[in-house]
Protein backbone atom coordinates (compact mmCIF):
# COMPACT_ATOMS: atom_id res chain seq x y z
CA MET A 1 9.65 -99.39 -110.49
CA LYS A 2 8.47 -102.42 -112.52
CA LYS A 3 8.83 -103.03 -116.04
CA TYR A 4 5.02 -103.85 -116.71
CA ASP A 5 1.60 -103.14 -115.45
CA VAL A 6 -0.14 -106.19 -115.81
CA VAL A 7 1.49 -109.86 -116.93
CA ALA A 8 -1.35 -112.57 -117.68
CA LEU A 9 -1.32 -116.46 -117.56
CA GLY A 10 -3.71 -118.60 -119.11
CA GLU A 11 -5.02 -119.46 -122.27
CA LEU A 12 -4.76 -118.26 -125.80
CA LEU A 13 -6.94 -120.06 -128.69
CA ILE A 14 -9.04 -119.17 -131.47
CA ASP A 15 -12.77 -118.28 -131.36
CA PHE A 16 -14.33 -119.58 -134.53
CA THR A 17 -17.30 -116.70 -134.36
CA GLU A 18 -20.25 -117.48 -136.38
CA ASN A 19 -20.37 -115.00 -139.39
CA GLY A 20 -23.65 -115.75 -141.49
CA LYS A 21 -23.79 -118.46 -144.16
CA SER A 22 -22.49 -119.37 -147.45
CA ASN A 23 -24.27 -119.35 -150.82
CA GLN A 24 -24.87 -122.89 -150.00
CA GLY A 25 -26.43 -122.69 -146.56
CA ASN A 26 -23.48 -123.54 -144.72
CA PRO A 27 -22.74 -121.90 -141.96
CA LEU A 28 -19.21 -119.45 -142.21
CA PHE A 29 -17.11 -118.72 -139.20
CA GLU A 30 -14.78 -116.03 -138.46
CA ALA A 31 -11.50 -117.21 -136.99
CA ASN A 32 -10.87 -114.50 -133.92
CA PRO A 33 -7.70 -114.30 -131.98
CA GLY A 34 -9.50 -115.06 -127.99
CA GLY A 35 -8.85 -116.67 -124.59
CA ALA A 36 -9.81 -114.47 -121.72
CA PRO A 37 -6.66 -113.33 -120.18
CA CYS A 38 -5.29 -111.78 -123.38
CA ASN A 39 -8.40 -110.06 -124.11
CA VAL A 40 -8.00 -108.47 -120.58
CA LEU A 41 -4.45 -107.33 -121.70
CA ALA A 42 -5.58 -106.12 -125.32
CA MET A 43 -7.52 -103.69 -123.34
CA LEU A 44 -4.96 -102.48 -120.78
CA THR A 45 -2.80 -102.21 -123.78
CA LYS A 46 -5.58 -99.52 -125.49
CA LEU A 47 -5.45 -97.77 -122.24
CA GLY A 48 -1.93 -97.41 -122.68
CA HIS A 49 -0.27 -99.93 -120.19
CA LYS A 50 2.25 -102.13 -120.61
CA THR A 51 1.65 -105.94 -120.70
CA ALA A 52 2.87 -109.34 -121.33
CA PHE A 53 1.52 -112.80 -121.66
CA ILE A 54 2.51 -116.27 -120.72
CA GLY A 55 0.90 -119.57 -122.20
CA LYS A 56 1.42 -121.93 -124.99
CA VAL A 57 0.01 -122.46 -128.42
CA GLY A 58 0.90 -125.24 -131.02
CA GLU A 59 3.25 -125.05 -133.57
CA ASP A 60 0.95 -124.68 -136.13
CA PHE A 61 -0.74 -121.89 -138.36
CA PHE A 62 -3.08 -121.06 -135.57
CA GLY A 63 -0.40 -120.43 -133.11
CA GLU A 64 1.28 -118.26 -135.50
CA GLN A 65 -1.64 -116.36 -135.81
CA LEU A 66 -2.32 -115.55 -132.24
CA ARG A 67 1.78 -114.77 -131.78
CA ASP A 68 1.26 -112.32 -134.42
CA ALA A 69 -2.36 -110.93 -133.19
CA ILE A 70 -1.26 -110.22 -129.63
CA THR A 71 1.92 -108.68 -130.45
CA LYS A 72 0.49 -106.52 -133.12
CA VAL A 73 -2.30 -105.18 -130.19
CA GLY A 74 1.22 -104.59 -128.14
CA ILE A 75 1.31 -107.45 -125.88
CA ASP A 76 4.93 -108.76 -125.30
CA ALA A 77 4.89 -112.26 -126.06
CA SER A 78 8.26 -113.10 -124.80
CA GLY A 79 6.37 -115.50 -122.22
CA LEU A 80 4.35 -117.41 -125.19
CA CYS A 81 6.01 -121.31 -125.88
CA THR A 82 5.02 -123.23 -128.57
CA ASP A 83 4.32 -127.23 -128.68
CA LYS A 84 5.61 -129.11 -131.56
CA GLU A 85 3.08 -132.14 -130.93
CA ILE A 86 -0.56 -130.53 -129.45
CA HIS A 87 -2.26 -128.34 -131.78
CA THR A 88 -3.65 -124.84 -130.95
CA THR A 89 -6.65 -124.84 -128.77
CA LEU A 90 -9.68 -123.87 -130.85
CA ALA A 91 -13.22 -123.00 -129.83
CA MET A 92 -16.67 -122.89 -131.82
CA VAL A 93 -18.70 -119.92 -130.61
CA HIS A 94 -22.29 -119.76 -131.07
CA THR A 95 -24.45 -116.91 -130.70
CA TYR A 96 -27.89 -116.76 -129.44
CA PRO A 97 -30.21 -113.87 -130.92
CA ASP A 98 -29.58 -111.87 -127.37
CA GLY A 99 -25.91 -111.77 -127.79
CA ASP A 100 -25.18 -114.78 -125.36
CA ARG A 101 -23.34 -117.40 -126.35
CA ASP A 102 -22.31 -121.21 -126.05
CA PHE A 103 -18.83 -122.94 -126.87
CA SER A 104 -17.66 -125.74 -127.82
CA PHE A 105 -13.76 -126.70 -127.37
CA TYR A 106 -11.31 -128.41 -129.07
CA ARG A 107 -8.69 -128.98 -126.57
CA ASN A 108 -8.42 -133.08 -125.74
CA PRO A 109 -5.62 -131.96 -125.28
CA GLY A 110 -4.83 -128.59 -126.54
CA ALA A 111 -1.91 -126.67 -126.23
CA ASP A 112 -2.68 -123.83 -123.60
CA MET A 113 -2.89 -126.99 -121.20
CA MET A 114 0.63 -128.36 -121.78
CA LEU A 115 2.24 -125.30 -120.22
CA ASN A 116 4.36 -126.64 -117.34
CA LYS A 117 5.96 -124.83 -114.40
CA GLU A 118 9.81 -125.10 -116.17
CA GLU A 119 8.17 -122.96 -118.83
CA ILE A 120 7.18 -119.77 -116.89
CA CYS A 121 9.31 -116.87 -117.37
CA GLU A 122 10.07 -115.97 -113.72
CA GLU A 123 11.34 -112.36 -114.89
CA LEU A 124 8.06 -111.28 -116.36
CA ILE A 125 6.12 -112.18 -113.41
CA LYS A 126 9.22 -110.48 -110.87
CA GLU A 127 8.85 -107.47 -113.38
CA THR A 128 4.77 -106.71 -112.79
CA LYS A 129 2.60 -104.30 -110.96
CA ILE A 130 -0.47 -106.76 -111.31
CA PHE A 131 -0.05 -110.94 -111.74
CA HIS A 132 -3.51 -111.89 -113.62
CA PHE A 133 -4.93 -115.30 -114.05
CA GLY A 134 -8.22 -117.51 -114.60
CA THR A 135 -9.21 -120.69 -113.91
CA LEU A 136 -8.60 -122.59 -117.42
CA SER A 137 -5.09 -122.85 -116.81
CA MET A 138 -6.35 -125.03 -113.84
CA THR A 139 -8.13 -127.46 -115.27
CA HIS A 140 -5.20 -130.39 -115.53
CA GLU A 141 -2.25 -130.81 -113.48
CA GLY A 142 0.50 -129.93 -115.37
CA VAL A 143 -0.83 -126.17 -116.10
CA ARG A 144 -2.00 -126.11 -112.77
CA GLU A 145 1.24 -126.71 -111.13
CA ALA A 146 2.23 -123.86 -113.37
CA THR A 147 -0.44 -121.63 -112.44
CA LYS A 148 0.19 -121.87 -109.02
CA GLU A 149 3.99 -121.60 -109.47
CA ALA A 150 3.16 -118.22 -111.10
CA ILE A 151 1.17 -116.75 -108.22
CA ARG A 152 3.60 -117.71 -105.88
CA ILE A 153 6.47 -115.77 -107.77
CA ALA A 154 3.83 -112.90 -107.96
CA GLU A 155 3.42 -112.84 -104.64
CA GLU A 156 7.01 -113.29 -103.61
CA SER A 157 7.90 -110.11 -105.85
CA GLY A 158 4.72 -108.04 -104.14
CA ALA A 159 2.35 -108.16 -107.50
CA ILE A 160 -1.28 -107.29 -106.62
CA ILE A 161 -3.08 -110.57 -107.78
CA SER A 162 -5.92 -110.45 -109.76
CA PHE A 163 -8.44 -113.45 -110.51
CA ASP A 164 -11.45 -114.05 -112.77
CA PRO A 165 -12.78 -117.40 -112.54
CA ASN A 166 -14.16 -117.44 -115.91
CA LEU A 167 -15.96 -121.16 -115.17
CA ARG A 168 -16.37 -122.97 -118.51
CA PRO A 169 -18.02 -126.25 -117.10
CA PRO A 170 -17.61 -128.37 -120.45
CA LEU A 171 -13.49 -128.29 -119.89
CA TRP A 172 -13.64 -129.73 -116.30
CA SER A 173 -13.55 -133.45 -115.27
CA SER A 174 -16.13 -132.55 -112.31
CA MET A 175 -17.47 -129.95 -111.00
CA GLU A 176 -16.51 -130.46 -107.89
CA LEU A 177 -12.81 -129.85 -109.16
CA ALA A 178 -13.48 -126.59 -110.67
CA LYS A 179 -15.24 -125.65 -107.22
CA GLU A 180 -11.93 -126.70 -105.18
CA GLN A 181 -9.57 -124.92 -107.56
CA ILE A 182 -11.85 -121.86 -108.29
CA ALA A 183 -11.55 -121.57 -103.87
CA TYR A 184 -8.13 -121.85 -104.39
CA GLY A 185 -7.88 -118.73 -106.76
CA LEU A 186 -10.27 -117.20 -104.05
CA GLY A 187 -7.51 -117.42 -101.74
CA GLN A 188 -4.58 -116.04 -103.41
CA CYS A 189 -6.23 -113.01 -104.97
CA ASP A 190 -6.68 -109.11 -104.00
CA LEU A 191 -8.78 -108.08 -107.19
CA LEU A 192 -12.09 -110.28 -108.19
CA LYS A 193 -14.06 -109.85 -110.91
CA ILE A 194 -16.78 -112.44 -110.39
CA SER A 195 -20.19 -113.25 -112.86
CA GLU A 196 -23.40 -113.76 -110.77
CA GLU A 197 -23.56 -117.02 -111.96
CA GLU A 198 -20.13 -118.21 -110.83
CA LEU A 199 -20.95 -116.54 -107.49
CA GLU A 200 -23.84 -118.63 -107.28
CA PHE A 201 -21.93 -121.70 -108.13
CA MET A 202 -19.31 -121.19 -105.30
CA THR A 203 -22.06 -119.93 -102.44
CA GLY A 204 -25.30 -121.79 -103.44
CA THR A 205 -27.35 -118.98 -103.51
CA LYS A 206 -29.02 -116.80 -106.15
CA ASP A 207 -29.21 -113.54 -103.68
CA ILE A 208 -26.15 -111.85 -105.47
CA LYS A 209 -25.43 -109.48 -101.90
CA GLU A 210 -25.51 -112.49 -99.79
CA GLY A 211 -23.05 -114.53 -102.07
CA ALA A 212 -20.71 -111.69 -102.07
CA TYR A 213 -20.98 -111.35 -98.19
CA LYS A 214 -20.07 -114.88 -97.54
CA LEU A 215 -17.27 -114.80 -100.21
CA LEU A 216 -15.88 -111.98 -98.27
CA ALA A 217 -16.23 -113.34 -95.24
CA ASP A 218 -14.43 -117.02 -96.17
CA TYR A 219 -11.70 -114.99 -98.04
CA PRO A 220 -10.44 -111.83 -95.96
CA ASN A 221 -8.03 -111.43 -98.73
CA LEU A 222 -10.31 -109.81 -100.98
CA LYS A 223 -9.53 -105.98 -101.15
CA LEU A 224 -11.97 -105.43 -104.11
CA MET A 225 -14.74 -107.60 -105.39
CA ASN A 226 -16.40 -106.89 -108.79
CA VAL A 227 -19.72 -108.82 -109.38
CA THR A 228 -20.97 -108.74 -112.73
CA MET A 229 -24.49 -109.44 -113.77
CA GLY A 230 -24.56 -108.88 -117.80
CA LYS A 231 -27.79 -106.94 -118.61
CA GLU A 232 -28.33 -106.00 -114.72
CA GLY A 233 -24.91 -104.34 -114.43
CA SER A 234 -22.33 -104.50 -111.62
CA ILE A 235 -21.80 -104.18 -108.13
CA ALA A 236 -18.39 -103.20 -106.36
CA PHE A 237 -17.27 -104.37 -102.82
CA HIS A 238 -15.00 -102.94 -101.20
CA GLU A 239 -13.94 -102.13 -97.33
CA GLY A 240 -17.72 -102.27 -96.28
CA LYS A 241 -18.87 -100.16 -99.15
CA GLU A 242 -21.05 -101.70 -101.99
CA VAL A 243 -21.73 -99.74 -105.06
CA PHE A 244 -24.35 -100.40 -107.99
CA HIS A 245 -24.17 -99.29 -111.41
CA ALA A 246 -26.55 -99.72 -114.00
CA PRO A 247 -25.69 -101.24 -117.57
CA PHE A 248 -25.39 -99.37 -120.84
CA LEU A 249 -27.96 -101.61 -122.69
CA GLN A 250 -28.04 -100.81 -126.96
CA GLU A 251 -30.10 -102.37 -129.71
CA ASN A 252 -27.01 -103.10 -131.86
CA THR A 253 -25.42 -105.31 -129.13
CA ILE A 254 -24.05 -108.61 -131.78
CA GLU A 255 -22.35 -110.78 -128.71
CA THR A 256 -21.00 -110.87 -125.83
CA THR A 257 -17.41 -112.24 -126.60
CA GLY A 258 -14.90 -110.39 -124.56
CA ALA A 259 -17.71 -107.99 -122.55
CA GLY A 260 -16.30 -109.59 -119.32
CA ASP A 261 -12.85 -109.47 -119.83
CA THR A 262 -13.25 -105.74 -120.94
CA PHE A 263 -15.05 -104.95 -118.05
CA GLY A 264 -12.01 -106.85 -115.62
CA ALA A 265 -9.61 -104.63 -117.85
CA CYS A 266 -11.21 -101.65 -116.83
CA ALA A 267 -10.91 -102.21 -113.47
CA LEU A 268 -7.12 -103.58 -113.65
CA ASN A 269 -6.60 -99.86 -115.15
CA TYR A 270 -8.53 -98.25 -112.41
CA VAL A 271 -6.49 -99.82 -109.69
CA LEU A 272 -3.13 -98.86 -111.79
CA GLU A 273 -4.25 -95.40 -111.31
CA ASN A 274 -6.06 -94.97 -107.81
CA GLY A 275 -4.41 -97.90 -105.87
CA ILE A 276 -6.52 -100.88 -104.42
CA THR A 277 -7.14 -99.70 -100.56
CA GLY A 278 -9.26 -96.57 -99.62
CA LEU A 279 -11.67 -96.30 -102.38
CA SER A 280 -14.34 -94.11 -101.66
CA GLU A 281 -17.90 -94.78 -103.20
CA GLU A 282 -17.46 -92.28 -105.97
CA GLN A 283 -14.32 -93.78 -106.97
CA LEU A 284 -16.09 -97.30 -107.17
CA TYR A 285 -18.61 -95.44 -109.30
CA GLU A 286 -16.53 -94.15 -111.54
CA MET A 287 -14.97 -97.13 -111.87
CA LEU A 288 -17.90 -99.08 -112.90
CA GLU A 289 -19.49 -96.28 -114.94
CA PHE A 290 -16.09 -96.74 -117.76
CA ALA A 291 -16.02 -100.95 -116.82
CA ASN A 292 -20.18 -100.78 -117.55
CA GLY A 293 -19.19 -98.43 -120.94
CA ALA A 294 -16.54 -100.32 -122.18
CA SER A 295 -17.90 -103.61 -122.06
CA SER A 296 -21.09 -102.33 -123.56
CA LEU A 297 -19.00 -101.07 -126.66
CA ILE A 298 -17.36 -104.48 -127.13
CA THR A 299 -20.48 -106.43 -127.46
CA THR A 300 -21.19 -104.49 -130.69
CA LYS A 301 -18.20 -105.85 -132.43
CA LYS A 302 -17.39 -109.64 -133.29
CA GLY A 303 -14.54 -111.18 -131.09
CA ALA A 304 -12.57 -108.79 -128.67
CA LEU A 305 -8.71 -108.85 -128.71
CA ARG A 306 -8.27 -106.61 -132.11
CA VAL A 307 -11.39 -104.36 -131.54
CA MET A 308 -10.83 -103.02 -128.30
CA PRO A 309 -12.35 -99.51 -127.69
CA THR A 310 -9.97 -96.80 -126.82
CA LYS A 311 -10.70 -94.52 -123.71
CA GLU A 312 -11.73 -91.93 -125.61
CA ASP A 313 -14.48 -94.13 -127.29
CA VAL A 314 -15.75 -94.99 -124.05
CA GLU A 315 -15.92 -91.55 -122.45
CA THR A 316 -17.61 -90.50 -125.59
CA PHE A 317 -20.03 -93.26 -125.53
CA ILE A 318 -20.46 -92.88 -121.87
CA SER A 319 -21.04 -89.08 -122.51
CA THR A 320 -24.04 -89.66 -124.77
CA LYS A 321 -26.24 -92.15 -122.27
C-alpha cells in the first residue's frame, strides 16, 4: 500500500485577486494562495485523499503564508523547499465581467522556478499512487530537469502519471519551447486534462474531436483524456469511447480561478476510486458530472485553494440542477 494517493510537483504562489476599490478609488487586491498543483491537491484532500506537494517558495512572508495555507488544508508540505535568495512568485489576476481572467506574473526569477533535482523528495514520489504535474515547472532548465527526474521516479515506482499543460504564454521564452515541453508531458502521462485552447495549440485545429483523436493517435500512452471547454462543458475520451457532459452554468459566478484544477482533481478522485482502465460510458458520464459540478461551484468563490467544496456540497448542487 502506498502512503499517498496523489503527490504533485510545481508552482505554489500568491494570486493577487481584484477585490473592489479603496475609498480613494484604487484597486484592492486579496492575497490568495494559488498555483494549479496545490489547487488540485486541496480539492483531493477535501475529498478525503492523502496528498503531498513538492515545490519551492521564497524565505519570505509570502512563502510562510503559503506553507501555512497548504498545511492547514491538509496537504503534506514536507517536500516544500525554501530559497533564501529568490522571492516567492506572485501573480496579479485581472478578472473580466464574465469571470474569465488575465495574469501578470512577477517571476523573473521566482522561487518556484528555482527547484532543482537534488531537492526532489524521492520518498514522497515512490510512496504515491498518482503523480501529477503541469508545465509551469518546465519553463526553465533547472526546474525542468527536476520535473523530468520526478516523472522518472514516479514511472519506475509504478505510479499513474497525471498531466495538465496549464499553458501560460507570458511565462515562456518562446511558444515553440512551450509546445516542445507540452509534447514531452503528453508522452509521459496516463491521464490528461487539457483545455480546448491548449488542444488547439498542440494540434492546430479548432475542431475539438478532430484534435482529440489526433492526440490519441500521436500519444497511445493516454489512457484517459478529459477536454474542458469552459461554458461548453467537457468531453472524456477513453478506450474508443467519447462522452460529453454539459456545464452547470449559474448567475453567481465571480471568477474562474481554480475551475480547471477542481475539475482535474475530481477526475483524479474518480480514477483513485474506479481505476483508469475499463471505464464504461456511464462511469465516464458520472465522472464528468461531478467534475463539472465541482468546478462550477468554485467559480462562486474568490481564489480556490482554501475554499474547495466538499463531496456533499457538490452532490447537493448537482441534485438541484
